[in-house]
Amino acid sequence: MSSGSKGGAGRPQELHGSPPTPLPSLQQQELDEFWRKVVGEIENTVNFNNHTIPMSSVVEIIREHQGGLMISSETPPVVAKVLEIFVQELTVRASMCAKSHGRSSILGSDIYEAINSGESYVCLNNVLRRAVTNHD
């Protein structure tokens, strides 16, 4: 995947294209360690009421997209935790991309590259394309 130098504004030229490639072993080890840590934290968590993402934002998003269904009181904290883990993993992946390009700062192009590097994020390509189109 392009580092974005020719794509302008730190963005890659294409947001999709080749299928995701396996991570080099050192990067895979870093990701595996991240997940070991996350699982350990979840297993040791007694109170899920401490959130790094504002609960009001989570509730607003859920209500906006619930389609008239009621939501239980346990739903927002679970969604908040999932969002927190998603952001953390995406940051780990983007950090690995930045390091692979000899940088210590994460750029937007690293986020795009991180999303394109994992099969589980392929569904976000359409969202990225729309965001780039609307931004330009």
N, C-alpha and C. Protein backbone atom coordinates (compact mmCIF):
# COMPACT_ATOMS: atom_id res chain seq x y z
N MET A 1 0.84 -1.18 0.00
CA MET A 1 0.00 0.00 0.00
C MET A 1 0.87 1.22 0.00
N SER A 2 0.49 2.21 -0.70
CA SER A 2 1.24 3.46 -0.80
C SER A 2 1.26 4.17 0.54
N SER A 3 2.34 4.87 0.81
CA SER A 3 2.43 5.61 2.06
C SER A 3 1.69 6.92 1.98
N GLY A 4 1.18 7.26 0.80
CA GLY A 4 0.39 8.46 0.67
C GLY A 4 1.16 9.63 0.11
N SER A 5 2.44 9.49 -0.18
CA SER A 5 3.22 10.62 -0.63
C SER A 5 2.76 11.14 -1.97
N LYS A 6 2.24 10.28 -2.84
CA LYS A 6 1.76 10.73 -4.13
C LYS A 6 0.26 10.99 -4.12
N GLY A 7 -0.44 10.54 -3.10
CA GLY A 7 -1.88 10.66 -3.03
C GLY A 7 -2.35 12.01 -2.54
N GLY A 8 -1.46 12.85 -2.05
CA GLY A 8 -1.82 14.18 -1.58
C GLY A 8 -2.37 14.13 -0.17
N ALA A 9 -2.06 15.15 0.60
CA ALA A 9 -2.57 15.33 1.96
C ALA A 9 -2.37 14.10 2.84
N GLY A 10 -1.31 13.32 2.58
CA GLY A 10 -1.00 12.17 3.42
C GLY A 10 -1.94 11.00 3.25
N ARG A 11 -2.71 11.01 2.16
CA ARG A 11 -3.65 9.90 1.91
C ARG A 11 -3.08 8.98 0.85
N PRO A 12 -3.39 7.69 0.93
CA PRO A 12 -2.95 6.78 -0.11
C PRO A 12 -3.71 7.05 -1.39
N GLN A 13 -3.12 6.62 -2.51
CA GLN A 13 -3.77 6.85 -3.79
C GLN A 13 -5.06 6.06 -3.89
N GLU A 14 -5.08 4.85 -3.36
CA GLU A 14 -6.27 4.02 -3.43
C GLU A 14 -6.63 3.55 -2.04
N LEU A 15 -7.92 3.46 -1.77
CA LEU A 15 -8.38 2.99 -0.48
C LEU A 15 -8.71 1.51 -0.50
N HIS A 16 -8.64 0.92 -1.66
CA HIS A 16 -8.88 -0.51 -1.78
C HIS A 16 -8.01 -1.00 -2.92
N GLY A 17 -7.98 -2.23 -3.15
CA GLY A 17 -7.14 -2.76 -4.22
C GLY A 17 -6.75 -4.17 -3.89
N SER A 18 -5.50 -4.34 -3.51
CA SER A 18 -5.02 -5.69 -3.22
C SER A 18 -5.63 -6.19 -1.92
N PRO A 19 -5.79 -7.50 -1.82
CA PRO A 19 -6.34 -8.07 -0.59
C PRO A 19 -5.38 -7.84 0.57
N PRO A 20 -5.88 -7.91 1.80
CA PRO A 20 -5.01 -7.71 2.96
C PRO A 20 -3.84 -8.68 2.95
N THR A 21 -2.69 -8.18 3.34
CA THR A 21 -1.50 -9.03 3.39
C THR A 21 -1.21 -9.40 4.84
N PRO A 22 -0.67 -10.59 5.05
CA PRO A 22 -0.35 -11.00 6.43
C PRO A 22 0.69 -10.06 7.03
N LEU A 23 0.59 -9.85 8.32
CA LEU A 23 1.55 -8.99 9.02
C LEU A 23 2.88 -9.72 9.19
N PRO A 24 3.99 -8.96 9.12
CA PRO A 24 5.28 -9.58 9.47
C PRO A 24 5.22 -10.10 10.90
N SER A 25 6.03 -11.09 11.20
CA SER A 25 5.93 -11.79 12.49
C SER A 25 6.08 -10.86 13.69
N LEU A 26 6.97 -9.88 13.64
CA LEU A 26 7.13 -8.96 14.77
C LEU A 26 5.86 -8.15 15.00
N GLN A 27 5.25 -7.69 13.91
CA GLN A 27 4.01 -6.94 14.04
C GLN A 27 2.88 -7.84 14.53
N GLN A 28 2.85 -9.07 14.06
CA GLN A 28 1.82 -10.01 14.52
C GLN A 28 2.00 -10.29 16.01
N GLN A 29 3.25 -10.38 16.46
CA GLN A 29 3.51 -10.59 17.89
C GLN A 29 3.01 -9.40 18.70
N GLU A 30 3.23 -8.18 18.18
CA GLU A 30 2.76 -6.98 18.87
C GLU A 30 1.23 -6.98 18.98
N LEU A 31 0.58 -7.37 17.91
CA LEU A 31 -0.88 -7.43 17.90
C LEU A 31 -1.39 -8.53 18.83
N ASP A 32 -0.72 -9.68 18.82
CA ASP A 32 -1.09 -10.77 19.72
C ASP A 32 -0.95 -10.34 21.18
N GLU A 33 0.11 -9.61 21.50
CA GLU A 33 0.33 -9.11 22.85
C GLU A 33 -0.76 -8.12 23.24
N PHE A 34 -1.15 -7.25 22.31
CA PHE A 34 -2.25 -6.32 22.56
C PHE A 34 -3.50 -7.09 22.96
N TRP A 35 -3.85 -8.13 22.19
CA TRP A 35 -5.07 -8.89 22.47
C TRP A 35 -4.97 -9.68 23.78
N ARG A 36 -3.79 -10.20 24.11
CA ARG A 36 -3.61 -10.88 25.41
C ARG A 36 -3.90 -9.89 26.55
N LYS A 37 -3.38 -8.68 26.39
CA LYS A 37 -3.59 -7.65 27.41
C LYS A 37 -5.07 -7.28 27.52
N VAL A 38 -5.74 -7.10 26.39
CA VAL A 38 -7.17 -6.74 26.39
C VAL A 38 -7.99 -7.84 27.05
N VAL A 39 -7.76 -9.08 26.68
CA VAL A 39 -8.50 -10.20 27.25
C VAL A 39 -8.26 -10.27 28.76
N GLY A 40 -7.02 -10.09 29.18
CA GLY A 40 -6.71 -10.09 30.61
C GLY A 40 -7.44 -8.98 31.35
N GLU A 41 -7.48 -7.78 30.77
CA GLU A 41 -8.18 -6.66 31.39
C GLU A 41 -9.68 -6.95 31.50
N ILE A 42 -10.25 -7.51 30.44
CA ILE A 42 -11.69 -7.81 30.45
C ILE A 42 -12.00 -8.87 31.50
N GLU A 43 -11.17 -9.91 31.57
CA GLU A 43 -11.40 -10.98 32.55
C GLU A 43 -11.29 -10.47 33.98
N ASN A 44 -10.48 -9.44 34.20
CA ASN A 44 -10.29 -8.90 35.55
C ASN A 44 -11.18 -7.71 35.86
N THR A 45 -12.02 -7.31 34.92
CA THR A 45 -12.89 -6.16 35.14
C THR A 45 -14.11 -6.57 35.95
N VAL A 46 -14.33 -5.84 37.02
CA VAL A 46 -15.49 -6.08 37.87
C VAL A 46 -16.58 -5.07 37.53
N ASN A 47 -16.18 -3.84 37.25
CA ASN A 47 -17.12 -2.76 37.00
C ASN A 47 -16.92 -2.22 35.59
N PHE A 48 -17.91 -2.39 34.74
CA PHE A 48 -17.83 -1.90 33.37
C PHE A 48 -18.37 -0.48 33.24
N ASN A 49 -18.49 0.24 34.34
CA ASN A 49 -19.04 1.59 34.29
C ASN A 49 -17.98 2.67 34.11
N ASN A 50 -16.71 2.29 34.01
CA ASN A 50 -15.65 3.26 33.74
C ASN A 50 -15.36 3.24 32.25
N HIS A 51 -15.64 4.35 31.58
CA HIS A 51 -15.53 4.40 30.13
C HIS A 51 -14.61 5.53 29.69
N THR A 52 -13.83 5.27 28.66
CA THR A 52 -13.00 6.32 28.09
C THR A 52 -13.75 7.08 27.00
N ILE A 53 -14.82 6.47 26.48
CA ILE A 53 -15.66 7.11 25.47
C ILE A 53 -16.90 7.63 26.18
N PRO A 54 -17.29 8.89 25.90
CA PRO A 54 -18.46 9.45 26.59
C PRO A 54 -19.72 8.61 26.37
N MET A 55 -20.33 8.19 27.46
CA MET A 55 -21.51 7.33 27.38
C MET A 55 -22.65 8.04 26.66
N SER A 56 -22.77 9.35 26.83
CA SER A 56 -23.86 10.08 26.17
C SER A 56 -23.75 9.97 24.65
N SER A 57 -22.53 9.98 24.13
CA SER A 57 -22.34 9.83 22.68
C SER A 57 -22.72 8.43 22.22
N VAL A 58 -22.36 7.43 23.01
CA VAL A 58 -22.69 6.05 22.67
C VAL A 58 -24.21 5.87 22.66
N VAL A 59 -24.88 6.36 23.68
CA VAL A 59 -26.33 6.24 23.77
C VAL A 59 -26.99 6.95 22.59
N GLU A 60 -26.50 8.13 22.24
CA GLU A 60 -27.06 8.88 21.12
C GLU A 60 -26.93 8.10 19.80
N ILE A 61 -25.77 7.51 19.57
CA ILE A 61 -25.55 6.73 18.35
C ILE A 61 -26.47 5.51 18.32
N ILE A 62 -26.58 4.81 19.43
CA ILE A 62 -27.43 3.63 19.49
C ILE A 62 -28.89 4.02 19.22
N ARG A 63 -29.36 5.05 19.88
CA ARG A 63 -30.76 5.46 19.70
C ARG A 63 -31.04 5.91 18.28
N GLU A 64 -30.08 6.55 17.66
CA GLU A 64 -30.25 7.04 16.29
C GLU A 64 -30.42 5.88 15.31
N HIS A 65 -29.80 4.75 15.60
CA HIS A 65 -29.79 3.63 14.66
C HIS A 65 -30.52 2.38 15.16
N GLN A 66 -31.31 2.50 16.19
CA GLN A 66 -31.95 1.32 16.76
C GLN A 66 -33.20 0.90 16.02
N GLY A 67 -33.77 1.73 15.16
CA GLY A 67 -34.95 1.35 14.40
C GLY A 67 -36.18 1.15 15.25
N GLY A 68 -36.35 1.93 16.30
CA GLY A 68 -37.54 1.84 17.13
C GLY A 68 -37.47 0.79 18.22
N LEU A 69 -36.41 0.01 18.27
CA LEU A 69 -36.27 -1.01 19.31
C LEU A 69 -35.85 -0.38 20.62
N MET A 70 -36.23 -1.00 21.70
CA MET A 70 -35.79 -0.57 23.02
C MET A 70 -34.38 -1.13 23.25
N ILE A 71 -33.61 -0.42 24.06
CA ILE A 71 -32.28 -0.92 24.40
C ILE A 71 -32.19 -1.13 25.91
N SER A 72 -31.54 -2.20 26.30
CA SER A 72 -31.39 -2.48 27.73
C SER A 72 -30.32 -1.57 28.31
N SER A 73 -30.32 -1.44 29.60
CA SER A 73 -29.34 -0.58 30.26
C SER A 73 -27.91 -1.12 30.14
N GLU A 74 -27.77 -2.43 29.86
CA GLU A 74 -26.43 -3.02 29.72
C GLU A 74 -25.82 -2.74 28.35
N THR A 75 -26.65 -2.40 27.38
CA THR A 75 -26.16 -2.25 26.00
C THR A 75 -25.14 -1.12 25.84
N PRO A 76 -25.41 0.11 26.27
CA PRO A 76 -24.43 1.18 26.05
C PRO A 76 -23.04 0.91 26.63
N PRO A 77 -22.92 0.38 27.87
CA PRO A 77 -21.57 0.09 28.37
C PRO A 77 -20.83 -0.96 27.55
N VAL A 78 -21.55 -1.97 27.05
CA VAL A 78 -20.91 -3.00 26.23
C VAL A 78 -20.44 -2.39 24.91
N VAL A 79 -21.30 -1.59 24.29
CA VAL A 79 -20.92 -0.93 23.03
C VAL A 79 -19.74 0.01 23.26
N ALA A 80 -19.74 0.73 24.37
CA ALA A 80 -18.63 1.64 24.69
C ALA A 80 -17.31 0.87 24.81
N LYS A 81 -17.35 -0.29 25.45
CA LYS A 81 -16.14 -1.11 25.61
C LYS A 81 -15.66 -1.62 24.26
N VAL A 82 -16.59 -2.06 23.42
CA VAL A 82 -16.23 -2.54 22.08
C VAL A 82 -15.59 -1.41 21.27
N LEU A 83 -16.17 -0.22 21.34
CA LEU A 83 -15.61 0.94 20.63
C LEU A 83 -14.21 1.27 21.13
N GLU A 84 -14.03 1.22 22.44
CA GLU A 84 -12.72 1.49 23.04
C GLU A 84 -11.68 0.51 22.51
N ILE A 85 -12.02 -0.77 22.48
CA ILE A 85 -11.09 -1.79 22.00
C ILE A 85 -10.82 -1.60 20.51
N PHE A 86 -11.85 -1.28 19.73
CA PHE A 86 -11.68 -1.03 18.30
C PHE A 86 -10.68 0.10 18.07
N VAL A 87 -10.86 1.21 18.77
CA VAL A 87 -9.96 2.36 18.61
C VAL A 87 -8.54 1.99 19.02
N GLN A 88 -8.41 1.24 20.11
CA GLN A 88 -7.08 0.84 20.57
C GLN A 88 -6.39 -0.06 19.55
N GLU A 89 -7.12 -1.05 19.01
CA GLU A 89 -6.50 -1.95 18.04
C GLU A 89 -6.14 -1.20 16.76
N LEU A 90 -7.03 -0.34 16.30
CA LEU A 90 -6.74 0.43 15.09
C LEU A 90 -5.52 1.32 15.30
N THR A 91 -5.37 1.87 16.50
CA THR A 91 -4.21 2.70 16.82
C THR A 91 -2.93 1.86 16.83
N VAL A 92 -2.99 0.66 17.38
CA VAL A 92 -1.82 -0.24 17.37
C VAL A 92 -1.42 -0.54 15.93
N ARG A 93 -2.41 -0.89 15.10
CA ARG A 93 -2.13 -1.20 13.69
C ARG A 93 -1.57 0.02 12.95
N ALA A 94 -2.15 1.20 13.18
CA ALA A 94 -1.68 2.42 12.52
C ALA A 94 -0.27 2.78 12.99
N SER A 95 0.00 2.55 14.26
CA SER A 95 1.34 2.79 14.80
C SER A 95 2.37 1.90 14.12
N MET A 96 2.00 0.64 13.89
CA MET A 96 2.91 -0.28 13.19
C MET A 96 3.16 0.22 11.76
N CYS A 97 2.12 0.75 11.11
CA CYS A 97 2.27 1.28 9.75
C CYS A 97 3.22 2.48 9.76
N ALA A 98 3.03 3.38 10.73
CA ALA A 98 3.90 4.56 10.82
C ALA A 98 5.35 4.13 11.03
N LYS A 99 5.58 3.18 11.94
CA LYS A 99 6.94 2.70 12.21
C LYS A 99 7.55 2.07 10.97
N SER A 100 6.72 1.35 10.20
CA SER A 100 7.25 0.70 8.99
C SER A 100 7.67 1.71 7.93
N HIS A 101 7.18 2.95 8.05
CA HIS A 101 7.57 4.02 7.14
C HIS A 101 8.58 4.96 7.79
N GLY A 102 9.14 4.54 8.93
CA GLY A 102 10.19 5.31 9.59
C GLY A 102 9.69 6.54 10.32
N ARG A 103 8.44 6.55 10.72
CA ARG A 103 7.88 7.70 11.43
C ARG A 103 7.45 7.31 12.83
N SER A 104 7.42 8.30 13.72
CA SER A 104 6.93 8.05 15.08
C SER A 104 5.56 8.68 15.30
N SER A 105 5.03 9.36 14.29
CA SER A 105 3.70 9.97 14.36
C SER A 105 2.76 9.26 13.41
N ILE A 106 1.54 9.05 13.86
CA ILE A 106 0.52 8.41 13.02
C ILE A 106 -0.12 9.47 12.13
N LEU A 107 -0.16 9.18 10.83
CA LEU A 107 -0.83 10.04 9.85
C LEU A 107 -2.14 9.40 9.42
N GLY A 108 -2.97 10.17 8.74
CA GLY A 108 -4.20 9.63 8.19
C GLY A 108 -3.93 8.46 7.27
N SER A 109 -2.84 8.53 6.52
CA SER A 109 -2.50 7.44 5.60
C SER A 109 -2.19 6.15 6.36
N ASP A 110 -1.70 6.27 7.59
CA ASP A 110 -1.45 5.07 8.41
C ASP A 110 -2.77 4.42 8.84
N ILE A 111 -3.77 5.24 9.11
CA ILE A 111 -5.10 4.72 9.45
C ILE A 111 -5.66 3.96 8.26
N TYR A 112 -5.57 4.57 7.06
CA TYR A 112 -6.05 3.90 5.85
C TYR A 112 -5.32 2.59 5.62
N GLU A 113 -4.01 2.62 5.78
CA GLU A 113 -3.20 1.42 5.58
C GLU A 113 -3.56 0.35 6.61
N ALA A 114 -3.77 0.76 7.86
CA ALA A 114 -4.14 -0.19 8.92
C ALA A 114 -5.48 -0.84 8.61
N ILE A 115 -6.42 -0.05 8.13
CA ILE A 115 -7.74 -0.60 7.79
C ILE A 115 -7.63 -1.58 6.63
N ASN A 116 -6.79 -1.27 5.66
CA ASN A 116 -6.62 -2.15 4.51
C ASN A 116 -5.76 -3.37 4.82
N SER A 117 -5.09 -3.38 5.98
CA SER A 117 -4.20 -4.50 6.29
C SER A 117 -4.91 -5.66 6.99
N GLY A 118 -6.13 -5.45 7.40
CA GLY A 118 -6.83 -6.52 8.11
C GLY A 118 -8.17 -6.85 7.47
N GLU A 119 -8.43 -8.14 7.34
CA GLU A 119 -9.69 -8.58 6.74
C GLU A 119 -10.90 -8.06 7.50
N SER A 120 -10.80 -7.97 8.80
CA SER A 120 -11.96 -7.57 9.59
C SER A 120 -12.35 -6.11 9.37
N TYR A 121 -11.46 -5.31 8.77
CA TYR A 121 -11.76 -3.90 8.54
C TYR A 121 -12.13 -3.59 7.10
N VAL A 122 -12.16 -4.57 6.23
CA VAL A 122 -12.45 -4.35 4.82
C VAL A 122 -13.78 -3.62 4.64
N CYS A 123 -14.73 -3.88 5.52
CA CYS A 123 -16.05 -3.25 5.42
C CYS A 123 -15.97 -1.73 5.58
N LEU A 124 -14.88 -1.21 6.12
CA LEU A 124 -14.74 0.23 6.32
C LEU A 124 -14.24 0.96 5.08
N ASN A 125 -13.84 0.23 4.04
CA ASN A 125 -13.34 0.88 2.82
C ASN A 125 -14.36 1.83 2.22
N ASN A 126 -15.63 1.45 2.17
CA ASN A 126 -16.66 2.33 1.63
C ASN A 126 -16.81 3.59 2.47
N VAL A 127 -16.73 3.46 3.78
CA VAL A 127 -16.82 4.61 4.66
C VAL A 127 -15.65 5.55 4.40
N LEU A 128 -14.45 4.99 4.26
CA LEU A 128 -13.27 5.81 3.99
C LEU A 128 -13.39 6.53 2.65
N ARG A 129 -13.85 5.82 1.64
CA ARG A 129 -14.00 6.45 0.32
C ARG A 129 -14.95 7.63 0.40
N ARG A 130 -16.08 7.46 1.10
CA ARG A 130 -17.04 8.56 1.23
C ARG A 130 -16.44 9.71 2.02
N ALA A 131 -15.71 9.42 3.07
CA ALA A 131 -15.10 10.47 3.88
C ALA A 131 -14.10 11.27 3.07
N VAL A 132 -13.29 10.58 2.27
CA VAL A 132 -12.30 11.26 1.43
C VAL A 132 -13.00 12.09 0.37
N THR A 133 -14.04 11.53 -0.25
CA THR A 133 -14.78 12.24 -1.29
C THR A 133 -15.44 13.49 -0.71
N ASN A 134 -16.04 13.38 0.46
CA ASN A 134 -16.69 14.53 1.09
C ASN A 134 -15.68 15.56 1.58
N HIS A 135 -14.48 15.10 1.93
CA HIS A 135 -13.44 16.01 2.44
C HIS A 135 -12.82 16.82 1.31
N ASP A 136 -12.71 16.21 0.12
CA ASP A 136 -12.08 16.89 -1.02
C ASP A 136 -12.94 17.94 -1.59
